[in-house]
Amino acid sequence: MNIGAIVDSQKAFFRSGETLARDFRRAQLRKLLSALYSWEDTLCDALKEDLHKSPEEAYMTEISMVRGEIRNQLRHLRSRMRRSRVSTPLAHFPCRGYEVMEPLGTVLIVSPWNYPVQLLLSPLAGAIAAGCTAVLKTSPSAPAVSAVLRRMIEECFRPEYVAVVEGHREVNEELFARRFDLVFLTGSPELGKVAMKAAAEHLTPVVLELGGKSPCIVDSEADLKVAARRIAWGKTLNAGQTCIAPDYLLLHEDIKDAFVEAFRQALAELHGPDIRKSSHYARIVSDRAFGRLTSYLRQGRIVAGGRTDAAGRFIEPTLLDGVDPDSPVMQEEIFGPVFPIVTWRSPEEVEEFVRSREKPLALYYFGNVRSGRELAGRCSSGGACINDCIMHIVNERLPFGGVGNSGMGAYHGRYSFEAFSHRRAIVETPTWIDLPFRYMPYKAIRLVRKILR
């Protein structure tokens, strides 16, 4: 695999202008959509092998979301490519101004292991719609999915247009050292810093979808049965290995015990009396991650769950009470089914606790809608849900992205198209009139100032 040759061939292909035509972009999006249907079963089998994902969860969180993204780009491609005229101030008469979206060029898309299909192919749909060529870097932590994606992309596209690169850290380093026109990365804040530092050498723009500790706040006015079911679903989706999973619970003191019981009941309803036997509960991705997550179990008092199985990399969804706010479980992104509890009495306590930490990728509030809006307005996050969790990523009409430590830039729908495009200003000036006041020695400047005053 010669990464330099791949990048050079893609840059040459982009310069040929073939990717600029709307018909070309539309045809490539349809190819990708068709490939998803042809390879769906194989992708689902690979997701089961790597992450123990059920076919239902694989479809819901991976396949269907990519299809929705592709269809959105197809539906709006003409309007997003269309040149738009902007109003021109009187002082600029007789010029006319336009805004056009032009593709950035050859881009690098780096995906993580937790949603290896969605988080690779959804950005790719935006890159294709925008008219770019793309190098795709898959995660070695999901090897079965990576191999299937490589075969699918090779069958679908020429390598000088879209190519998959596999490998470990040394491959990342070589890719980051290359000059791309955009680096789009989903991963940890640490990897984001590495990519951003390397991109700075070439003044390459970056879109970083990172993570962080997303708070889940439950107020005394919340419907506990609904809140517990939605939170349990969001926390056990992919066994908590989701960048926007609720990371820790901020429970009002008055409802803590009731919520713990409601959470237990919700888990039983979702996964049955023994979650180990649930076909919808994923496993931890690696022994290293399993060891890190089980170490958290000693940093508080287990009030629900707590069973583990190292051989199967199984960790039962676990509620931890009495955690130290300065302990690792409250400082590091958990990325698993461990759920520490912090109690509070006043909204000011919640606001101070959340704002004293890095800005999270998501913020979740359960309770009075007005109170949720006020809290979300005072606490910055990449996205937020009131009386729900996870669902803000589903709507392709909403931007998805982080802020601060949780990332920069946004995508989905038109935001994906814009992420891979340069918003370019063009001015057209007719020659039938050539007003003299713009030229030296500016004899008419006093008159012009009076007119524009």
Protein backbone atom coordinates (compact mmCIF):
# COMPACT_ATOMS: atom_id res chain seq x y z
CA MET A 1 0.00 0.00 0.00
CA ASN A 2 1.62 3.23 -1.18
CA ILE A 3 -0.18 6.04 0.62
CA GLY A 4 1.73 8.71 -1.26
CA ALA A 5 0.71 7.25 -4.63
CA ILE A 6 -2.94 7.08 -3.54
CA VAL A 7 -2.99 10.69 -2.41
CA ASP A 8 -1.19 11.90 -5.54
CA SER A 9 -3.56 10.01 -7.84
CA GLN A 10 -6.57 11.46 -6.05
CA LYS A 11 -5.23 14.98 -6.33
CA ALA A 12 -4.62 14.45 -10.07
CA PHE A 13 -8.13 13.06 -10.51
CA PHE A 14 -9.63 16.02 -8.67
CA ARG A 15 -7.70 18.44 -10.88
CA SER A 16 -9.18 16.75 -13.94
CA GLY A 17 -12.53 18.33 -13.00
CA GLU A 18 -14.51 15.11 -13.35
CA THR A 19 -15.89 15.31 -9.80
CA LEU A 20 -17.38 18.77 -10.36
CA ALA A 21 -20.37 17.80 -12.52
CA ARG A 22 -23.68 17.29 -10.73
CA ASP A 23 -24.45 14.17 -12.74
CA PHE A 24 -21.15 12.61 -11.66
CA ARG A 25 -21.79 13.34 -7.99
CA ARG A 26 -25.33 12.02 -8.21
CA ALA A 27 -24.15 8.81 -9.88
CA GLN A 28 -21.53 8.20 -7.18
CA LEU A 29 -24.03 8.76 -4.38
CA ARG A 30 -26.36 6.26 -5.99
CA LYS A 31 -23.49 3.77 -6.27
CA LEU A 32 -22.83 4.11 -2.57
CA LEU A 33 -26.51 3.71 -1.74
CA SER A 34 -26.76 0.61 -3.92
CA ALA A 35 -23.63 -0.85 -2.33
CA LEU A 36 -25.15 -0.47 1.13
CA TYR A 37 -28.06 -2.67 0.07
CA SER A 38 -25.79 -5.26 -1.54
CA TRP A 39 -23.39 -5.43 1.41
CA GLU A 40 -25.87 -4.93 4.27
CA ASP A 41 -25.88 -8.55 5.49
CA THR A 42 -22.10 -8.83 5.25
CA LEU A 43 -21.64 -5.58 7.17
CA CYS A 44 -24.08 -6.72 9.86
CA ASP A 45 -22.21 -10.02 10.22
CA ALA A 46 -18.95 -8.11 10.63
CA LEU A 47 -20.48 -5.79 13.23
CA LYS A 48 -21.66 -8.85 15.12
CA GLU A 49 -18.17 -10.34 14.98
CA ASP A 50 -16.36 -7.20 16.12
CA LEU A 51 -18.82 -5.68 18.59
CA HIS A 52 -21.56 -8.27 19.20
CA LYS A 53 -24.08 -5.85 17.68
CA SER A 54 -27.47 -7.31 16.89
CA PRO A 55 -28.72 -7.00 13.28
CA GLU A 56 -31.46 -4.67 14.54
CA GLU A 57 -29.03 -2.34 16.28
CA ALA A 58 -26.63 -2.50 13.34
CA TYR A 59 -29.41 -1.43 11.01
CA MET A 60 -30.77 1.29 13.28
CA THR A 61 -27.50 2.91 14.33
CA GLU A 62 -25.35 2.26 11.27
CA ILE A 63 -26.97 1.26 7.97
CA SER A 64 -30.19 3.30 8.14
CA MET A 65 -28.40 6.47 9.20
CA VAL A 66 -25.99 6.29 6.27
CA ARG A 67 -28.85 5.66 3.86
CA GLY A 68 -30.70 8.67 5.26
CA GLU A 69 -27.60 10.82 4.79
CA ILE A 70 -27.12 9.71 1.18
CA ARG A 71 -30.78 10.28 0.33
CA ASN A 72 -30.62 13.73 1.89
CA GLN A 73 -27.65 14.65 -0.29
CA LEU A 74 -29.37 13.29 -3.42
CA ARG A 75 -32.59 15.13 -2.65
CA HIS A 76 -30.92 18.52 -2.16
CA LEU A 77 -27.86 18.25 -4.40
CA ARG A 78 -29.12 20.64 -7.07
CA SER A 79 -30.03 23.39 -4.61
CA ARG A 80 -26.80 23.01 -2.62
CA MET A 81 -24.70 23.30 -5.76
CA ARG A 82 -26.66 26.23 -7.16
CA ARG A 83 -24.97 29.61 -7.34
CA SER A 84 -26.85 32.10 -5.16
CA ARG A 85 -26.96 35.82 -5.73
CA VAL A 86 -26.45 38.20 -2.81
CA SER A 87 -27.63 41.80 -2.60
CA THR A 88 -25.13 44.48 -3.57
CA PRO A 89 -24.75 47.78 -1.65
CA LEU A 90 -25.32 50.97 -3.61
CA ALA A 91 -21.65 51.90 -3.23
CA HIS A 92 -20.70 48.84 -5.29
CA PHE A 93 -22.95 49.63 -8.27
CA PRO A 94 -22.93 48.21 -10.94
CA CYS A 95 -21.29 45.03 -9.55
CA ARG A 96 -23.23 41.84 -8.86
CA GLY A 97 -22.20 39.44 -6.09
CA TYR A 98 -22.63 35.68 -5.97
CA GLU A 99 -21.88 32.91 -3.52
CA VAL A 100 -20.80 29.50 -4.81
CA MET A 101 -19.87 26.30 -3.00
CA GLU A 102 -16.76 24.72 -4.44
CA PRO A 103 -15.25 21.38 -3.32
CA LEU A 104 -12.19 21.60 -1.09
CA GLY A 105 -10.35 18.86 -2.99
CA THR A 106 -8.80 15.66 -1.64
CA VAL A 107 -9.91 14.92 1.92
CA LEU A 108 -8.99 12.45 4.64
CA ILE A 109 -11.77 10.82 6.67
CA VAL A 110 -10.68 8.95 9.81
CA SER A 111 -13.30 6.81 11.53
CA PRO A 112 -13.41 5.14 14.96
CA TRP A 113 -14.31 1.56 15.87
CA ASN A 114 -17.53 2.09 17.83
CA TYR A 115 -19.76 2.94 14.82
CA PRO A 116 -17.37 1.97 12.06
CA VAL A 117 -19.91 2.04 9.22
CA GLN A 118 -21.89 5.13 10.08
CA LEU A 119 -18.95 7.30 11.07
CA LEU A 120 -17.02 6.48 7.90
CA LEU A 121 -19.73 6.49 5.24
CA SER A 122 -21.88 9.39 6.48
CA PRO A 123 -19.01 11.88 6.08
CA LEU A 124 -18.14 10.20 2.76
CA ALA A 125 -21.63 10.99 1.47
CA GLY A 126 -21.00 14.65 2.24
CA ALA A 127 -17.59 14.57 0.56
CA ILE A 128 -19.03 12.97 -2.60
CA ALA A 129 -21.92 15.46 -2.71
CA ALA A 130 -19.49 18.35 -2.34
CA GLY A 131 -17.35 17.05 -5.24
CA CYS A 132 -14.27 15.89 -3.34
CA THR A 133 -12.07 12.83 -3.60
CA ALA A 134 -11.54 10.92 -0.36
CA VAL A 135 -9.04 8.71 1.44
CA LEU A 136 -10.83 6.66 4.13
CA LYS A 137 -8.95 5.42 7.20
CA THR A 138 -10.76 2.62 9.02
CA SER A 139 -10.17 1.53 12.61
CA PRO A 140 -8.00 -1.55 13.28
CA SER A 141 -10.04 -2.18 16.43
CA ALA A 142 -12.94 -3.34 14.23
CA PRO A 143 -10.97 -5.55 11.81
CA ALA A 144 -13.88 -7.53 10.35
CA VAL A 145 -15.82 -4.36 9.52
CA SER A 146 -12.70 -2.70 8.15
CA ALA A 147 -12.07 -5.59 5.77
CA VAL A 148 -15.67 -5.57 4.52
CA LEU A 149 -15.66 -1.81 4.02
CA ARG A 150 -12.42 -2.01 2.04
CA ARG A 151 -13.86 -4.65 -0.29
CA MET A 152 -17.11 -2.73 -0.69
CA ILE A 153 -15.39 0.55 -1.52
CA GLU A 154 -12.97 -1.16 -3.94
CA GLU A 155 -15.93 -2.71 -5.75
CA CYS A 156 -17.79 0.61 -5.85
CA PHE A 157 -15.15 3.27 -6.65
CA ARG A 158 -11.85 3.72 -8.41
CA PRO A 159 -8.97 4.25 -5.93
CA GLU A 160 -8.08 7.59 -7.50
CA TYR A 161 -11.56 8.74 -6.42
CA VAL A 162 -12.26 6.95 -3.11
CA ALA A 163 -9.79 4.60 -1.40
CA VAL A 164 -9.68 2.75 1.92
CA VAL A 165 -6.45 2.62 3.92
CA GLU A 166 -6.07 0.16 6.80
CA GLY A 167 -3.48 0.01 9.55
CA HIS A 168 -2.46 1.14 13.00
CA ARG A 169 -0.86 4.22 14.52
CA GLU A 170 2.04 4.32 12.06
CA VAL A 171 -0.44 4.55 9.18
CA ASN A 172 -2.24 7.41 10.94
CA GLU A 173 1.06 9.22 11.32
CA GLU A 174 1.89 8.83 7.64
CA LEU A 175 -1.58 10.01 6.61
CA PHE A 176 -1.47 13.02 8.94
CA ALA A 177 1.90 13.99 7.47
CA ARG A 178 0.36 14.25 3.99
CA ARG A 179 -1.15 17.46 2.69
CA PHE A 180 -4.91 17.07 2.39
CA ASP A 181 -7.46 19.78 1.74
CA LEU A 182 -9.46 18.74 4.83
CA VAL A 183 -9.03 16.25 7.65
CA PHE A 184 -12.32 14.91 9.04
CA LEU A 185 -11.72 12.87 12.17
CA THR A 186 -13.98 11.14 14.66
CA GLY A 187 -12.14 9.93 17.74
CA SER A 188 -10.78 10.89 21.13
CA PRO A 189 -9.65 14.41 22.09
CA GLU A 190 -6.09 13.05 22.30
CA LEU A 191 -6.17 11.81 18.70
CA GLY A 192 -7.83 15.05 17.66
CA LYS A 193 -4.90 17.02 19.06
CA VAL A 194 -2.43 14.84 17.13
CA ALA A 195 -4.34 15.32 13.90
CA MET A 196 -4.76 19.06 14.42
CA LYS A 197 -1.09 19.54 15.19
CA ALA A 198 -0.09 17.69 12.02
CA ALA A 199 -2.67 19.55 9.93
CA ALA A 200 -1.32 22.88 11.18
CA GLU A 201 1.95 22.20 9.34
CA HIS A 202 0.02 22.55 6.06
CA LEU A 203 -2.66 24.99 7.28
CA THR A 204 -5.16 22.21 6.55
CA PRO A 205 -8.64 22.77 7.99
CA VAL A 206 -10.04 20.10 10.30
CA VAL A 207 -13.43 18.86 11.39
CA LEU A 208 -13.07 17.07 14.70
CA GLU A 209 -15.88 14.99 16.17
CA LEU A 210 -14.51 14.05 19.58
CA GLY A 211 -16.08 13.04 22.87
CA GLY A 212 -16.11 13.98 26.52
CA LYS A 213 -18.22 13.48 29.60
CA SER A 214 -21.82 14.15 28.62
CA PRO A 215 -23.92 14.89 31.72
CA CYS A 216 -27.38 13.40 32.19
CA ILE A 217 -29.44 15.54 34.56
CA VAL A 218 -32.63 14.21 36.14
CA ASP A 219 -34.77 16.77 38.00
CA SER A 220 -37.34 16.08 40.68
CA GLU A 221 -40.15 16.87 38.21
CA ALA A 222 -39.07 14.24 35.67
CA ASP A 223 -41.28 11.33 34.68
CA LEU A 224 -38.99 8.73 36.20
CA LYS A 225 -40.33 5.73 34.32
CA VAL A 226 -39.89 7.39 30.93
CA ALA A 227 -36.60 9.00 31.92
CA ALA A 228 -35.14 5.73 33.19
CA ARG A 229 -36.17 3.83 30.05
CA ARG A 230 -34.71 6.42 27.69
CA ILE A 231 -31.51 6.78 29.70
CA ALA A 232 -31.09 3.01 30.02
CA TRP A 233 -31.53 2.70 26.26
CA GLY A 234 -28.97 5.45 25.57
CA LYS A 235 -26.45 4.03 28.05
CA THR A 236 -26.72 0.41 26.89
CA LEU A 237 -26.71 1.20 23.17
CA ASN A 238 -23.47 -0.41 21.95
CA ALA A 239 -22.76 -1.14 25.65
CA GLY A 240 -22.21 2.56 26.27
CA GLN A 241 -19.46 2.77 23.65
CA THR A 242 -21.01 5.83 22.04
CA CYS A 243 -19.45 9.28 21.87
CA ILE A 244 -22.77 10.89 22.87
CA ALA A 245 -23.76 8.29 25.48
CA PRO A 246 -24.82 9.80 28.81
CA ASP A 247 -21.57 9.62 30.77
CA TYR A 248 -22.62 10.40 34.34
CA LEU A 249 -25.88 11.03 36.20
CA LEU A 250 -26.74 14.23 38.04
CA LEU A 251 -29.76 13.18 40.12
CA HIS A 252 -31.87 15.45 42.29
CA GLU A 253 -31.57 14.24 45.87
CA ASP A 254 -35.33 13.71 46.21
CA ILE A 255 -35.55 11.14 43.40
CA LYS A 256 -32.22 9.31 43.60
CA ASP A 257 -33.49 6.09 45.18
CA ALA A 258 -36.63 6.05 43.01
CA PHE A 259 -34.56 6.56 39.87
CA VAL A 260 -32.18 3.72 40.75
CA GLU A 261 -35.13 1.35 41.08
CA ALA A 262 -36.72 2.65 37.87
CA PHE A 263 -33.41 2.17 36.06
CA ARG A 264 -33.20 -1.45 37.22
CA GLN A 265 -36.72 -2.10 35.96
CA ALA A 266 -35.98 -0.39 32.64
CA LEU A 267 -32.94 -2.59 32.06
CA ALA A 268 -35.02 -5.70 32.68
CA GLU A 269 -37.68 -4.49 30.23
CA LEU A 270 -35.09 -3.70 27.56
CA HIS A 271 -32.81 -6.71 27.91
CA GLY A 272 -34.61 -9.32 30.00
CA PRO A 273 -33.84 -10.56 33.51
CA ASP A 274 -30.28 -11.59 32.55
CA ILE A 275 -28.66 -9.03 30.28
CA ARG A 276 -25.85 -11.47 29.44
CA LYS A 277 -28.41 -13.42 27.41
CA SER A 278 -29.69 -10.34 25.56
CA SER A 279 -29.02 -10.42 21.82
CA HIS A 280 -29.13 -6.61 21.81
CA TYR A 281 -26.37 -5.97 24.32
CA ALA A 282 -22.92 -5.45 22.79
CA ARG A 283 -19.57 -6.40 24.29
CA ILE A 284 -16.53 -4.31 25.17
CA VAL A 285 -14.27 -3.87 22.17
CA SER A 286 -10.95 -5.06 23.68
CA ASP A 287 -9.30 -6.51 26.76
CA ARG A 288 -7.59 -3.19 27.36
CA ALA A 289 -10.91 -1.32 27.38
CA PHE A 290 -12.40 -4.03 29.60
CA GLY A 291 -9.61 -3.55 32.13
CA ARG A 292 -10.01 0.22 32.15
CA LEU A 293 -13.78 0.01 32.65
CA THR A 294 -13.66 -2.59 35.41
CA SER A 295 -11.15 -0.44 37.30
CA TYR A 296 -13.88 2.19 37.59
CA LEU A 297 -16.08 -0.25 39.52
CA ARG A 298 -13.80 0.14 42.54
CA GLN A 299 -14.22 3.91 42.61
CA GLY A 300 -17.70 3.97 44.12
CA ARG A 301 -20.42 1.89 45.75
CA ILE A 302 -22.27 -0.37 43.31
CA VAL A 303 -26.04 0.11 43.71
CA ALA A 304 -27.11 -1.71 40.53
CA GLY A 305 -25.37 -4.18 38.22
CA GLY A 306 -21.68 -4.83 38.64
CA ARG A 307 -21.29 -8.34 37.15
CA THR A 308 -18.40 -8.87 34.73
CA ASP A 309 -16.97 -11.65 32.57
CA ALA A 310 -13.43 -11.08 31.30
CA ALA A 311 -13.51 -14.01 28.85
CA GLY A 312 -16.55 -12.58 27.08
CA ARG A 313 -15.62 -8.93 27.72
CA PHE A 314 -19.03 -8.51 29.34
CA ILE A 315 -19.79 -5.71 31.81
CA GLU A 316 -23.27 -5.39 33.23
CA PRO A 317 -24.70 -1.83 33.21
CA THR A 318 -23.61 -0.53 36.60
CA LEU A 319 -24.73 2.40 38.75
CA LEU A 320 -22.02 3.77 41.06
CA ASP A 321 -22.92 5.91 44.07
CA GLY A 322 -20.65 7.86 46.37
CA VAL A 323 -18.05 8.69 43.72
CA ASP A 324 -15.37 11.28 44.30
CA PRO A 325 -15.73 14.12 41.75
CA ASP A 326 -11.95 14.08 41.34
CA SER A 327 -11.65 10.31 40.75
CA PRO A 328 -10.78 8.93 37.29
CA VAL A 329 -14.36 7.74 36.70
CA MET A 330 -15.47 11.38 36.98
CA GLN A 331 -12.52 12.85 35.07
CA GLU A 332 -12.11 10.49 32.09
CA GLU A 333 -14.64 9.76 29.37
CA ILE A 334 -16.10 6.41 30.43
CA PHE A 335 -17.14 5.03 27.02
CA GLY A 336 -18.80 2.00 28.54
CA PRO A 337 -21.70 0.81 30.71
CA VAL A 338 -20.47 2.28 34.00
CA PHE A 339 -22.72 5.06 35.30
CA PRO A 340 -21.53 7.20 38.27
CA ILE A 341 -24.13 9.16 40.26
CA VAL A 342 -23.76 12.67 41.64
CA THR A 343 -26.63 14.23 43.59
CA TRP A 344 -27.69 17.84 43.70
CA ARG A 345 -30.19 20.10 45.41
CA SER A 346 -30.31 23.39 43.46
CA PRO A 347 -30.06 24.19 39.73
CA GLU A 348 -27.10 26.42 40.55
CA GLU A 349 -25.18 23.38 41.77
CA VAL A 350 -25.79 21.61 38.48
CA GLU A 351 -24.76 24.64 36.45
CA GLU A 352 -21.56 25.09 38.44
CA PHE A 353 -20.69 21.39 38.21
CA VAL A 354 -21.17 21.18 34.44
CA ARG A 355 -19.56 24.51 33.60
CA SER A 356 -16.47 23.77 35.72
CA ARG A 357 -15.60 20.93 33.34
CA GLU A 358 -14.73 20.68 29.65
CA LYS A 359 -17.58 21.35 27.25
CA PRO A 360 -19.24 18.00 26.49
CA LEU A 361 -20.40 16.62 23.17
CA ALA A 362 -23.95 16.27 24.51
CA LEU A 363 -26.05 17.43 27.44
CA TYR A 364 -29.23 15.66 28.57
CA TYR A 365 -31.93 17.00 30.88
CA PHE A 366 -35.04 15.26 32.15
CA GLY A 367 -37.70 17.36 33.83
CA ASN A 368 -39.60 20.58 33.16
CA VAL A 369 -39.03 21.75 29.58
CA ARG A 370 -38.60 25.39 30.54
CA SER A 371 -36.02 24.50 33.18
CA GLY A 372 -34.24 22.32 30.62
CA ARG A 373 -34.10 25.16 28.11
CA GLU A 374 -32.71 27.54 30.73
CA LEU A 375 -30.05 25.08 31.83
CA ALA A 376 -29.05 24.25 28.25
CA GLY A 377 -28.79 27.97 27.56
CA ARG A 378 -26.32 28.41 30.40
CA CYS A 379 -24.25 25.25 29.85
CA SER A 380 -22.53 24.91 26.48
CA SER A 381 -22.36 21.54 24.71
CA GLY A 382 -22.08 20.18 21.19
CA GLY A 383 -25.77 19.23 21.21
CA ALA A 384 -28.53 18.74 23.76
CA CYS A 385 -31.75 16.83 24.36
CA ILE A 386 -34.54 17.68 26.78
CA ASN A 387 -36.38 14.60 28.06
CA ASP A 388 -34.43 12.37 25.70
CA CYS A 389 -30.91 11.29 24.84
CA ILE A 390 -28.95 10.34 21.71
CA MET A 391 -31.80 11.45 19.41
CA HIS A 392 -30.26 14.74 18.28
CA ILE A 393 -27.87 12.75 16.07
CA VAL A 394 -30.74 11.10 14.17
CA ASN A 395 -32.22 14.17 12.45
CA GLU A 396 -30.04 14.93 9.39
CA ARG A 397 -31.57 18.42 9.29
CA LEU A 398 -29.77 19.27 12.53
CA PRO A 399 -26.03 19.94 12.72
CA PHE A 400 -24.02 17.38 14.66
CA GLY A 401 -20.70 18.40 16.13
CA GLY A 402 -18.74 19.33 19.21
CA VAL A 403 -17.51 22.51 20.83
CA GLY A 404 -14.27 23.15 22.67
CA ASN A 405 -12.73 19.91 23.92
CA SER A 406 -15.52 17.88 22.31
CA GLY A 407 -14.64 18.99 18.79
CA MET A 408 -15.10 21.62 16.11
CA GLY A 409 -17.16 21.84 12.97
CA ALA A 410 -20.45 20.09 12.25
CA TYR A 411 -21.95 17.74 9.69
CA HIS A 412 -25.12 15.89 8.59
CA GLY A 413 -27.26 16.98 5.65
CA ARG A 414 -26.40 20.39 4.31
CA TYR A 415 -23.84 20.83 7.08
CA SER A 416 -21.90 17.89 5.62
CA PHE A 417 -22.00 19.48 2.18
CA GLU A 418 -20.73 22.74 3.65
CA ALA A 419 -18.03 21.00 5.72
CA PHE A 420 -16.39 19.64 2.55
CA SER A 421 -16.89 22.84 0.55
CA HIS A 422 -15.36 26.29 0.31
CA ARG A 423 -17.90 29.11 0.38
CA ARG A 424 -16.56 31.32 -2.39
CA ALA A 425 -17.42 34.92 -3.22
CA ILE A 426 -17.59 35.97 -6.88
CA VAL A 427 -18.18 39.50 -8.16
CA GLU A 428 -19.18 40.25 -11.74
CA THR A 429 -18.78 43.80 -13.02
CA PRO A 430 -20.18 44.91 -16.39
CA THR A 431 -18.14 47.08 -18.76
CA TRP A 432 -20.96 49.20 -20.19
CA ILE A 433 -20.27 51.78 -17.48
CA ASP A 434 -17.05 52.62 -15.65
CA LEU A 435 -17.68 55.12 -12.84
CA PRO A 436 -14.66 57.41 -12.31
CA PHE A 437 -14.95 57.97 -8.55
CA ARG A 438 -13.24 54.62 -7.74
CA TYR A 439 -10.00 55.71 -9.44
CA MET A 440 -7.19 57.98 -8.33
CA PRO A 441 -7.05 60.85 -7.66
CA TYR A 442 -10.58 60.29 -6.20
CA LYS A 443 -11.94 63.65 -7.35
CA ALA A 444 -15.53 62.76 -6.59
CA ILE A 445 -14.88 61.31 -3.13
CA ARG A 446 -16.62 64.16 -1.30
CA LEU A 447 -19.79 63.68 -3.33
CA VAL A 448 -19.69 59.94 -2.78
CA ARG A 449 -19.31 60.39 1.00
CA LYS A 450 -22.33 62.68 1.07
CA ILE A 451 -24.42 60.17 -0.85
CA LEU A 452 -23.40 57.25 1.36
CA ARG A 453 -23.55 59.08 4.66
